[in-house]
Amino acid sequence: MRRVVRCVLGFCVLALACGDDDGGEGDGVEPVCRDGVRLSVAANDTGYVLAHIAVVSDDDLAVTLPLSESGHRFPSSLWAPDGQTLALRESGLFPGQETALVDPACEPYEATSLEGWAVAWSPDGAGLLLAKEVDAEGVRVVSYSVASVAAGRVSSPVEIASFEVGPADSESYAIDARWSPDSSTVAVGLTTREEIAGDMPGHLYLIDVSGSAGSNEPVGELRDASSFAWAPTGQAIAFADRGPGILVSFIDEPEQAYRVDDDQQSCGFSIADDQAVALWSPDGGGFLYGAEAVDGPCEIEEVRIDSDEALFVTRTFVDAYAERAPRWFRDSRHVVHMSADNRTLLWTDSPMFSSTPIATADDPYSNIAAFAFAPTWDRIAIIRTQADDDQLLITDTPGEQPAPASAIASVSQPLADPFRWSPDGARLAVLAAPTLHVVLPAEVSDLAADDAAWSPDSRYLAVVRTLSLFVYGADGAELSDRRWVAKNVSQFAWAP
């Protein structure tokens, strides 16, 4: 079975068909369908960068070019949340402004061409956000549109908003667009060329994708184009301007923004190479943000929202170090964070604000460098720096009180974001360039690697080493069956 594409008056249909079509292109070509997990790869093994699809199974590994004869270059891609559609993006930010939707199940691949550069799939997978640049009458305009995808049908993109960002040919602007978790709204942070040149704040816009909200007026000013964070419910958004504290706006009343804490400037949490303006609890009932202390580093502030969406209660975490981002536990009650001296990892009950040490540095020259929960929430991985080799520690979190951390392996020069947990939580890979430490149920294996990612079924490990991509089997107690995928790899991603 394969999907074919029909386009009539700009409306394209991805239709399921068995065998060949009734006439038309592709007659006589027997579709090839493979079982296995899929991996999209951007690789320059053909003289220029193209997107590849790798299908990995225990018996086979096949690598193909989705649109090898199209004349277009699609070096990056986005998987739909269900893994059934792959959006191929032309090279650059908004250069060719074309996206091709491909069903990766069977070859020969059929594609739907969409105008615009794919920004992000909606969390429910029903819409693809696209962006397009146009110069008109001396002004550069960035427009956003949404292509609906449902029941195998792909609609032509419908524009939902447009913004003037500067003079024609202007590249000096910053823009960031993100879906709300409930897929109803797109938040756009924009700093125009004029605002950048004048050292002025940008603005936040909330766009109803149904188009029922009318004109797009800014919700408020932004410190920079990325200084906002959605609540997991999609019903509220926190953002930072250049004033004190932090602001919250609710979707049912977006024009009203509530300012929390008008005494201290907010400061972002460091998450790998990014800054997070706020970290929402899993239940959306509150969030953490950093507040600049009068003397010293950022402090962690907690904001709780009452049932009337009107009352905000702010508490300060005592003995906290905010430059390493804290983490919520799944119960939305406990928080794991660094101590102020960066030498102890603490487990804090946020209603009671009582803290328990999880791991502590052993000597004056050591500290806690990184930590992360397993996807199953039952363990925490911790990197503790030492005078010689750094250590990987693991602690169990069976309930409200975590167990003391125990050392598992020695690591050297771990990355800022070193942890690669398998989705089932049974395995952990730790990047400490140029070595990948793979913690399996029975032992620790070391590989030379620059990056790595587990397949969604946790049975395979994709590893990049000196720009070549390999896939290992990991279904037993040790890694096995290494297979080469591509060379000169710049990007890869497993299908969900």
Foldseek 3Di string as FASTA:
>chain_A
DAWAWDADPQWIFTDDDAADDPDDPPPPPGKDFDDAFKKWFFFCPPVHTAIWIWGDDPVDIDIGGQCPPPPFGFRDWDAQQQRQKIWTFGDDDCPVQKIWIWGPGIPPIHIDIAGFGFDDAQLVRQKTKGWHWDADPFWIKIWIWIWGADPRITGHTDTFDMDTQGTPPDPPKDKDWDAQNVRQKIKMFIDHNVCVVVVHFTFIWITGNVNPPDDIDTLGTACGGPFKDHQNVSQKIKGFHQFAAIWMAGPVGSNDIDGDDRPFHWDFADDFPDTHQWAAANVSQKIWTWTQDPPAGTWIWIWGADPVRPDIDIDTQAQFHRNHPWDHQNVSFWIWGAGRVQFFIWIAGVVVSDIDTQDGADDPVKGWQDKDAALVRQKMWTWIDDPPFIFIWMWGPPDSDIDHIDTADTAAQFHSNFWAAANVRQKIWGDRPQWIWIDHPPHTDIDGADDWYAANVRQWIWGAHQQWIWIWGDPDRDTHDIDTDGGNTDDMDIRD
